[in-house]
Amino acid sequence: MPPETAQPFDLSFDGRTIHARPGQSVGAALVAAGVVAWRTTRGEGRPRGLFCGIGVCYDCLITVDGRPDQRACLVPAAEGMRLESGRTGGETDARER
């Protein structure tokens, strides 16, 4: 775990600045910033975000620096990272490939 004196840093989520702390995952940084959903389900458009927190459920898929279908709970947050909310509607995601 990083020392408590490590400095927070910024990343962006759909153009909004999010503050993160060293050692946080992307999902943890989003939840700490009050963002609890960043994609919706294919069929009914229900909101999804961090659920299991260990990379099993795929609810937290997000686009990180242009790479779609990244699990936010597993990706370490990094300075300047660009996060984009997931797709909606009938599009496929990583579970269907």
Protein backbone atom coordinates (compact mmCIF):
# COMPACT_ATOMS: atom_id res chain seq x y z
CA MET A 1 0.00 0.00 0.00
CA PRO A 2 1.34 3.48 -0.86
CA PRO A 3 2.37 5.72 2.02
CA GLU A 4 -0.27 8.08 3.39
CA THR A 5 1.88 11.01 2.25
CA ALA A 6 1.50 10.05 -1.43
CA GLN A 7 -0.25 12.84 -3.33
CA PRO A 8 -3.68 12.47 -4.99
CA PHE A 9 -3.83 12.94 -8.74
CA ASP A 10 -6.42 13.68 -11.43
CA LEU A 11 -7.99 11.64 -14.19
CA SER A 12 -11.05 12.37 -16.30
CA PHE A 13 -14.39 10.62 -16.63
CA ASP A 14 -16.50 11.71 -19.61
CA GLY A 15 -14.69 15.05 -19.47
CA ARG A 16 -15.19 15.53 -15.72
CA THR A 17 -12.14 15.73 -13.46
CA ILE A 18 -11.95 12.91 -10.90
CA HIS A 19 -9.47 12.88 -8.04
CA ALA A 20 -7.79 9.58 -7.21
CA ARG A 21 -5.39 8.38 -4.56
CA PRO A 22 -2.36 6.21 -5.17
CA GLY A 23 -3.30 2.55 -4.97
CA GLN A 24 -6.94 3.01 -5.96
CA SER A 25 -8.52 1.15 -8.84
CA VAL A 26 -10.44 3.11 -11.46
CA GLY A 27 -13.68 1.78 -9.94
CA ALA A 28 -12.72 2.87 -6.43
CA ALA A 29 -11.80 6.35 -7.65
CA LEU A 30 -15.13 6.71 -9.44
CA VAL A 31 -17.16 5.54 -6.46
CA ALA A 32 -15.19 7.85 -4.13
CA ALA A 33 -16.10 10.72 -6.49
CA GLY A 34 -19.79 9.82 -6.26
CA VAL A 35 -20.02 8.08 -9.64
CA VAL A 36 -21.76 4.76 -8.97
CA ALA A 37 -22.85 3.79 -12.51
CA TRP A 38 -20.99 4.22 -15.81
CA ARG A 39 -22.68 1.81 -18.18
CA THR A 40 -26.13 0.29 -18.68
CA THR A 41 -27.38 -3.18 -19.48
CA ARG A 42 -28.06 -4.10 -23.10
CA GLY A 43 -31.73 -4.96 -22.92
CA GLU A 44 -33.32 -2.75 -20.33
CA GLY A 45 -30.76 0.03 -19.91
CA ARG A 46 -30.31 -0.55 -16.18
CA PRO A 47 -27.37 1.28 -14.60
CA ARG A 48 -24.23 -0.72 -13.77
CA GLY A 49 -20.97 0.09 -12.01
CA LEU A 50 -18.87 -1.53 -9.32
CA PHE A 51 -20.52 -4.73 -8.07
CA CYS A 52 -18.22 -7.61 -7.13
CA GLY A 53 -15.03 -5.55 -7.02
CA ILE A 54 -12.82 -8.53 -7.92
CA GLY A 55 -13.16 -8.85 -11.71
CA VAL A 56 -15.69 -11.66 -11.86
CA CYS A 57 -19.02 -10.05 -12.79
CA TYR A 58 -18.12 -7.62 -15.64
CA ASP A 59 -20.63 -5.03 -14.39
CA CYS A 60 -17.90 -2.38 -14.16
CA LEU A 61 -16.75 -2.39 -17.81
CA ILE A 62 -15.43 1.01 -18.88
CA THR A 63 -13.30 2.50 -21.65
CA VAL A 64 -9.83 3.44 -20.40
CA ASP A 65 -7.61 5.59 -22.63
CA GLY A 66 -9.53 4.43 -25.69
CA ARG A 67 -9.48 0.71 -24.75
CA PRO A 68 -13.08 -0.53 -24.35
CA ASP A 69 -14.30 -3.25 -22.00
CA GLN A 70 -11.77 -2.75 -19.21
CA ARG A 71 -12.83 -3.91 -15.75
CA ALA A 72 -12.74 -0.76 -13.60
CA CYS A 73 -12.26 -2.80 -10.44
CA LEU A 74 -8.98 -4.24 -11.73
CA VAL A 75 -7.39 -1.30 -13.58
CA PRO A 76 -5.11 0.81 -11.34
CA ALA A 77 -5.93 4.51 -11.53
CA ALA A 78 -3.13 6.61 -13.05
CA GLU A 79 -2.44 10.32 -13.51
CA GLY A 80 -4.10 11.75 -16.63
CA MET A 81 -6.09 8.61 -17.44
CA ARG A 82 -9.13 9.19 -19.69
CA LEU A 83 -12.22 7.21 -18.71
CA GLU A 84 -15.37 7.01 -20.79
CA SER A 85 -18.71 5.54 -19.81
CA GLY A 86 -19.76 2.28 -21.41
CA ARG A 87 -22.07 1.59 -24.29
CA THR A 88 -25.81 1.16 -24.04
CA GLY A 89 -28.54 -0.51 -26.06
CA GLY A 90 -28.00 -3.62 -28.16
CA GLU A 91 -24.23 -3.39 -28.56
CA THR A 92 -22.07 -6.29 -27.46
CA ASP A 93 -19.55 -6.27 -24.66
CA ALA A 94 -16.64 -8.47 -23.58
CA ARG A 95 -18.89 -11.22 -22.21
CA GLU A 96 -20.34 -11.89 -25.67
CA ARG A 97 -17.08 -12.26 -27.58
